[in-house]
Amino acid sequence: MTGPRTAVVVNPVKVPDLDLLRRTIVEGLATAGWPEPLWLETTPEDSGRGQALRAMKEGAELVFVCGGDGTVMAVISALAGTDVALAVIPAGTGNLLAANLGLTGDAATGVEIALQGGRRRIDVGVCGDKCFAVMAGMGFDAQMLEGTSETAKKHIGWIAYVGGALKHLRDKPMPVVISLDGKPPLRRRPRTVIVGNVGRLQGGVRLLSEADPADGRLDVAILSPRNLAHWAALGWAVVRRRERVPRMETYTAERVEIRSVRPQPRQLDGDLIEPGKSMSIGVRHRALLLCVPQPDSDPDLAYDSGAAEKAAEEVRAAAEEAK
């Protein structure tokens, strides 16, 4: 067989049917004449970074990642700055990057996108020693993740986050100082500050409508609702994709510093990190080579993902025949 050398980094805890996933990837690649991939499972001690580094050491030119947001972020942190392509196979509950690629829970579509050859170099955000592809946040968005039970996520998916959000709608704002590219600081009392590379949240909701994943800049949203009416107006404007969203300021920057007077919940790509008083976030321009639906030049990474889903029927059939 000819084709690029590939590897699969998978979090087995997040995948309900490992046998089906393996058949889908292995048989799907075989339909295109690609060799069988190296299979690497994450562990409680290593959520994916070490496995991705091993895959590159063994010559992988493309790495499939299948797991939750934490697994995806760990693999991105390993691949950023290399010429090894990343292909996302949705699993888990969050999957913010999968959502921005227009992927649902269908592994065959993720394989088909890799086979079609759509490749896009995108920016990655950097916070400490971690890289993220979608967004970082301090405040309400991380509180929402913190307040959502694993049981609820397992049974009803991303809708479970609504319950986590409702628990914190009436919480007090957080005093913060925000510095953008070293300019005079902004002093605000928001509910959350989100720093995004791409714009979609769960459910396909596009919060940062102008976000371009390859422009070398991060989009910053400062959300400052004070009551339930403000939340309702903000949410309605976002869902309706209004040009102006009440109680939300937006900026762009290459370097973002957020400082608070007390520790706040924080998240990277939908994965909680330790609470802290600050976040220092930068950008690495076009650092990640990502498998995307064709055409691969559109700023919207999910452009025409529906066509890939339809074209994946051969991959699904091959997995079914291999039972």
Protein backbone atom coordinates (compact mmCIF):
# COMPACT_ATOMS: atom_id res chain seq x y z
CA MET A 1 0.00 0.00 0.00
CA THR A 2 1.10 3.55 -0.68
CA GLY A 3 0.08 6.63 1.22
CA PRO A 4 1.25 8.71 4.16
CA ARG A 5 2.30 7.07 7.37
CA THR A 6 -0.39 7.67 9.97
CA ALA A 7 -1.01 7.22 13.68
CA VAL A 8 -4.10 7.30 15.88
CA VAL A 9 -4.01 8.85 19.35
CA VAL A 10 -7.17 7.77 21.12
CA ASN A 11 -8.57 8.25 24.61
CA PRO A 12 -10.30 4.89 25.21
CA VAL A 13 -12.35 6.28 28.09
CA LYS A 14 -14.11 8.72 25.72
CA VAL A 15 -14.88 6.19 22.97
CA PRO A 16 -17.93 3.97 23.54
CA ASP A 17 -17.01 1.46 20.80
CA LEU A 18 -13.28 1.10 20.23
CA ASP A 19 -13.71 -1.81 17.83
CA LEU A 20 -15.97 0.25 15.55
CA LEU A 21 -13.57 3.19 15.68
CA ARG A 22 -10.61 0.98 14.75
CA ARG A 23 -12.51 -0.62 11.87
CA THR A 24 -13.65 2.77 10.59
CA ILE A 25 -10.15 4.21 10.54
CA VAL A 26 -8.24 1.12 9.38
CA GLU A 27 -10.72 0.07 6.68
CA GLY A 28 -11.34 3.66 5.63
CA LEU A 29 -7.63 4.21 5.04
CA ALA A 30 -7.40 0.89 3.21
CA THR A 31 -10.06 2.00 0.70
CA ALA A 32 -7.65 4.75 -0.38
CA GLY A 33 -4.61 2.47 -0.39
CA TRP A 34 -3.16 3.92 2.79
CA PRO A 35 -1.29 1.65 5.22
CA GLU A 36 -2.67 0.63 8.60
CA PRO A 37 -1.97 3.29 11.23
CA LEU A 38 0.03 3.05 14.42
CA TRP A 39 -2.48 2.82 17.30
CA LEU A 40 -1.63 4.70 20.52
CA GLU A 41 -3.93 4.94 23.54
CA THR A 42 -3.75 7.69 26.15
CA THR A 43 -3.26 6.95 29.84
CA PRO A 44 -4.26 8.74 33.06
CA GLU A 45 -0.65 9.99 33.24
CA ASP A 46 -0.41 11.15 29.61
CA SER A 47 -3.46 12.63 27.89
CA GLY A 48 -1.94 12.55 24.41
CA ARG A 49 1.19 14.65 24.12
CA GLY A 50 3.61 11.78 24.67
CA GLN A 51 1.71 9.56 22.24
CA ALA A 52 1.82 12.26 19.56
CA LEU A 53 5.55 12.75 20.08
CA ARG A 54 6.06 9.00 19.73
CA ALA A 55 4.00 8.98 16.53
CA MET A 56 6.23 11.66 15.01
CA LYS A 57 9.36 9.84 16.14
CA GLU A 58 8.14 6.74 14.30
CA GLY A 59 7.61 8.72 11.10
CA ALA A 60 3.90 9.58 11.15
CA GLU A 61 2.98 12.27 8.62
CA LEU A 62 -0.62 12.52 9.83
CA VAL A 63 -2.01 11.96 13.32
CA PHE A 64 -5.67 11.18 13.97
CA VAL A 65 -6.83 12.26 17.42
CA CYS A 66 -9.96 10.82 18.99
CA GLY A 67 -10.93 11.91 22.47
CA GLY A 68 -12.26 14.83 24.47
CA ASP A 69 -11.02 18.42 24.38
CA GLY A 70 -8.13 17.66 26.73
CA THR A 71 -6.82 14.91 24.44
CA VAL A 72 -7.08 17.13 21.37
CA MET A 73 -5.29 19.99 23.11
CA ALA A 74 -2.46 17.69 24.28
CA VAL A 75 -1.88 16.44 20.73
CA ILE A 76 -1.99 19.99 19.33
CA SER A 77 0.66 21.03 21.85
CA ALA A 78 2.93 18.29 20.46
CA LEU A 79 2.26 18.91 16.75
CA ALA A 80 2.35 22.72 16.74
CA GLY A 81 5.31 23.99 14.75
CA THR A 82 5.74 20.77 12.75
CA ASP A 83 4.68 19.60 9.28
CA VAL A 84 2.69 16.68 10.69
CA ALA A 85 -1.02 17.07 9.93
CA LEU A 86 -3.77 16.68 12.54
CA ALA A 87 -7.07 14.93 11.71
CA VAL A 88 -9.84 15.17 14.30
CA ILE A 89 -12.19 12.27 14.99
CA PRO A 90 -14.98 13.51 17.30
CA ALA A 91 -15.46 11.80 20.66
CA GLY A 92 -16.20 12.86 24.21
CA THR A 93 -18.65 15.63 25.02
CA GLY A 94 -16.85 18.90 24.35
CA ASN A 95 -14.93 18.59 21.10
CA LEU A 96 -14.77 22.31 20.41
CA LEU A 97 -12.34 21.84 17.52
CA ALA A 98 -14.56 19.12 16.02
CA ALA A 99 -17.52 21.51 16.29
CA ASN A 100 -15.57 24.17 14.41
CA LEU A 101 -14.83 21.62 11.67
CA GLY A 102 -18.53 20.81 11.34
CA LEU A 103 -17.99 17.29 12.72
CA THR A 104 -20.60 15.52 14.79
CA GLY A 105 -20.07 12.07 16.30
CA ASP A 106 -19.34 10.40 12.96
CA ALA A 107 -15.82 8.99 12.79
CA ALA A 108 -16.20 8.13 9.09
CA THR A 109 -16.55 11.82 8.18
CA GLY A 110 -13.32 12.63 10.02
CA VAL A 111 -11.54 9.90 8.05
CA GLU A 112 -13.04 11.11 4.77
CA ILE A 113 -11.85 14.67 5.39
CA ALA A 114 -8.31 13.37 5.91
CA LEU A 115 -8.52 11.30 2.73
CA GLN A 116 -9.78 14.20 0.64
CA GLY A 117 -6.58 16.08 1.37
CA GLY A 118 -7.94 19.41 2.60
CA ARG A 119 -5.13 20.95 4.62
CA ARG A 120 -5.06 24.35 6.30
CA ARG A 121 -2.35 25.95 8.37
CA ILE A 122 -3.99 27.67 11.31
CA ASP A 123 -2.78 29.71 14.26
CA VAL A 124 -2.66 28.28 17.75
CA GLY A 125 -2.99 30.15 21.01
CA VAL A 126 -0.35 29.63 23.67
CA CYS A 127 -0.93 29.75 27.42
CA GLY A 128 2.00 28.58 29.52
CA ASP A 129 3.27 25.31 28.08
CA LYS A 130 -0.04 24.47 26.40
CA CYS A 131 -1.34 25.25 22.93
CA PHE A 132 -5.01 25.60 22.05
CA ALA A 133 -6.78 25.81 18.71
CA VAL A 134 -10.21 27.18 19.65
CA MET A 135 -10.39 29.42 22.71
CA ALA A 136 -9.27 30.19 26.23
CA GLY A 137 -11.42 31.75 28.92
CA MET A 138 -11.55 33.07 32.44
CA GLY A 139 -14.76 33.40 34.42
CA PHE A 140 -18.26 32.24 33.55
CA ASP A 141 -17.35 29.92 30.67
CA ALA A 142 -15.01 27.96 32.94
CA GLN A 143 -17.59 28.05 35.77
CA MET A 144 -20.09 26.48 33.37
CA LEU A 145 -17.69 23.63 32.63
CA GLU A 146 -16.96 23.22 36.32
CA GLY A 147 -20.66 23.06 37.18
CA THR A 148 -21.55 20.37 34.63
CA SER A 149 -21.50 16.78 35.84
CA GLU A 150 -19.78 14.03 33.87
CA THR A 151 -22.90 11.88 34.21
CA ALA A 152 -25.08 14.52 32.57
CA LYS A 153 -22.57 15.02 29.74
CA LYS A 154 -22.44 11.28 29.12
CA HIS A 155 -26.22 10.97 28.85
CA ILE A 156 -27.31 14.14 27.04
CA GLY A 157 -24.11 15.48 25.46
CA TRP A 158 -23.25 19.17 25.14
CA ILE A 159 -26.78 20.22 26.21
CA ALA A 160 -25.68 19.32 29.75
CA TYR A 161 -23.63 22.53 29.76
CA VAL A 162 -26.89 24.49 29.90
CA GLY A 163 -27.43 23.16 33.42
CA GLY A 164 -23.91 24.16 34.39
CA ALA A 165 -24.52 27.64 33.00
CA LEU A 166 -27.79 28.14 34.87
CA LYS A 167 -26.04 27.54 38.19
CA HIS A 168 -23.86 30.62 37.69
CA LEU A 169 -26.00 33.15 35.79
CA ARG A 170 -26.48 35.26 38.94
CA ASP A 171 -22.88 35.14 40.16
CA LYS A 172 -21.05 38.41 40.76
CA PRO A 173 -18.79 39.93 38.07
CA MET A 174 -15.02 39.71 38.40
CA PRO A 175 -12.85 42.84 38.45
CA VAL A 176 -10.11 42.42 35.83
CA VAL A 177 -7.43 44.38 34.05
CA ILE A 178 -6.96 43.39 30.40
CA SER A 179 -3.87 44.35 28.40
CA LEU A 180 -3.85 43.96 24.62
CA ASP A 181 -0.48 44.12 22.85
CA GLY A 182 0.92 46.33 25.60
CA LYS A 183 -1.60 49.14 25.04
CA PRO A 184 -3.15 51.04 27.97
CA PRO A 185 -5.02 48.48 30.09
CA LEU A 186 -8.78 48.04 30.06
CA ARG A 187 -10.37 47.93 33.51
CA ARG A 188 -13.62 45.98 33.44
CA ARG A 189 -16.01 44.02 35.66
CA PRO A 190 -17.13 41.27 33.24
CA ARG A 191 -18.61 37.84 33.84
CA THR A 192 -16.13 36.26 31.47
CA VAL A 193 -13.27 37.05 29.10
CA ILE A 194 -12.87 34.74 26.11
CA VAL A 195 -9.82 34.72 23.84
CA GLY A 196 -10.60 32.88 20.63
CA ASN A 197 -8.84 31.66 17.52
CA VAL A 198 -12.04 30.42 15.86
CA GLY A 199 -15.59 31.40 16.63
CA ARG A 200 -17.91 28.46 17.32
CA LEU A 201 -19.12 27.21 20.67
CA GLN A 202 -21.05 24.01 21.31
CA GLY A 203 -24.20 23.53 19.26
CA GLY A 204 -22.72 25.48 16.36
CA VAL A 205 -23.27 28.84 18.07
CA ARG A 206 -20.83 31.35 16.62
CA LEU A 207 -19.70 33.77 19.34
CA LEU A 208 -16.79 35.39 17.48
CA SER A 209 -18.24 35.98 14.03
CA GLU A 210 -15.13 37.73 12.65
CA ALA A 211 -12.58 35.22 13.92
CA ASP A 212 -10.09 34.07 11.28
CA PRO A 213 -7.96 31.09 12.37
CA ALA A 214 -5.00 32.09 10.19
CA ASP A 215 -4.71 35.87 10.55
CA GLY A 216 -2.03 35.84 13.25
CA ARG A 217 -4.33 37.52 15.77
CA LEU A 218 -6.61 36.39 18.57
CA ASP A 219 -10.17 37.64 19.03
CA VAL A 220 -11.08 38.85 22.51
CA ALA A 221 -14.65 38.97 23.80
CA ILE A 222 -15.47 40.70 27.10
CA LEU A 223 -18.98 39.72 28.28
CA SER A 224 -20.53 41.91 30.96
CA PRO A 225 -24.19 41.00 31.57
CA ARG A 226 -25.54 42.13 34.93
CA ASN A 227 -28.88 40.32 35.14
CA LEU A 228 -31.01 37.65 33.46
CA ALA A 229 -32.42 40.15 30.97
CA HIS A 230 -28.91 41.06 29.88
CA TRP A 231 -28.03 37.38 29.46
CA ALA A 232 -31.16 36.82 27.39
CA ALA A 233 -30.43 39.79 25.11
CA LEU A 234 -26.80 38.75 24.69
CA GLY A 235 -27.67 35.13 23.94
CA TRP A 236 -30.40 36.08 21.46
CA ALA A 237 -28.07 38.40 19.55
CA VAL A 238 -25.38 35.72 19.34
CA VAL A 239 -27.81 33.03 18.15
CA ARG A 240 -29.28 35.43 15.57
CA ARG A 241 -25.75 36.41 14.48
CA ARG A 242 -26.39 40.09 15.01
CA GLU A 243 -23.59 42.46 14.06
CA ARG A 244 -23.78 44.13 17.47
CA VAL A 245 -24.14 42.04 20.61
CA PRO A 246 -25.28 43.86 23.76
CA ARG A 247 -23.02 43.61 26.79
CA MET A 248 -20.12 42.26 24.70
CA GLU A 249 -16.98 44.13 23.64
CA THR A 250 -14.65 42.63 21.03
CA TYR A 251 -11.01 43.31 20.20
CA THR A 252 -8.13 41.61 18.39
CA ALA A 253 -4.57 41.24 19.60
CA GLU A 254 -1.44 39.13 19.34
CA ARG A 255 -0.82 39.21 23.07
CA VAL A 256 -3.48 39.19 25.78
CA GLU A 257 -2.94 39.58 29.52
CA ILE A 258 -5.87 39.12 31.91
CA ARG A 259 -5.39 39.84 35.60
CA SER A 260 -7.91 39.54 38.44
CA VAL A 261 -7.74 40.38 42.13
CA ARG A 262 -8.64 36.82 43.14
CA PRO A 263 -8.31 33.33 41.60
CA GLN A 264 -10.85 32.63 38.86
CA PRO A 265 -11.91 29.46 37.02
CA ARG A 266 -10.00 29.08 33.74
CA GLN A 267 -10.27 26.85 30.67
CA LEU A 268 -8.39 26.06 27.46
CA ASP A 269 -10.35 24.60 24.55
CA GLY A 270 -13.14 23.48 26.87
CA ASP A 271 -10.76 21.73 29.27
CA LEU A 272 -10.52 23.11 32.81
CA ILE A 273 -7.11 24.16 34.09
CA GLU A 274 -6.20 25.26 37.61
CA PRO A 275 -7.94 28.45 38.81
CA GLY A 276 -5.66 31.46 38.83
CA LYS A 277 -5.46 35.23 39.09
CA SER A 278 -4.10 35.73 35.58
CA MET A 279 -3.83 34.39 32.05
CA SER A 280 -1.06 35.32 29.64
CA ILE A 281 -1.95 34.31 26.10
CA GLY A 282 -0.01 34.62 22.86
CA VAL A 283 -0.34 33.30 19.32
CA ARG A 284 1.84 31.15 17.06
CA HIS A 285 1.03 32.10 13.49
CA ARG A 286 0.06 29.20 11.18
CA ALA A 287 1.72 26.70 13.52
CA LEU A 288 -0.73 23.79 13.07
CA LEU A 289 -1.39 21.84 9.87
CA LEU A 290 -5.03 20.77 10.15
CA CYS A 291 -7.17 18.45 8.02
CA VAL A 292 -10.25 20.45 7.02
CA PRO A 293 -13.22 19.95 4.68
CA GLN A 294 -12.72 21.09 1.10
CA PRO A 295 -12.38 23.82 -0.05
CA ASP A 296 -9.52 24.24 2.39
CA SER A 297 -9.10 27.99 1.83
CA ASP A 298 -12.33 29.21 3.45
CA PRO A 299 -11.94 31.03 6.81
CA ASP A 300 -14.87 28.96 8.10
CA LEU A 301 -13.23 25.62 8.91
CA ALA A 302 -16.61 23.87 8.70
CA TYR A 303 -17.35 25.06 5.16
CA ASP A 304 -19.15 22.28 3.24
CA SER A 305 -18.52 19.65 5.89
CA GLY A 306 -21.89 18.21 4.85
CA ALA A 307 -20.39 17.15 1.52
CA ALA A 308 -17.68 15.19 3.34
CA GLU A 309 -20.32 13.52 5.50
CA LYS A 310 -22.14 12.29 2.39
CA ALA A 311 -18.90 11.21 0.72
CA ALA A 312 -17.97 9.13 3.79
CA GLU A 313 -20.47 6.40 2.90
CA GLU A 314 -17.73 4.23 1.39
CA VAL A 315 -15.76 4.48 4.66
CA ARG A 316 -18.84 3.47 6.67
CA ALA A 317 -19.53 0.55 4.34
CA ALA A 318 -15.95 -0.70 4.62
CA ALA A 319 -16.17 -0.63 8.43
CA GLU A 320 -19.47 -2.53 8.32
CA GLU A 321 -18.09 -5.22 6.00
CA ALA A 322 -15.08 -5.75 8.27
CA LYS A 323 -17.25 -6.87 11.22
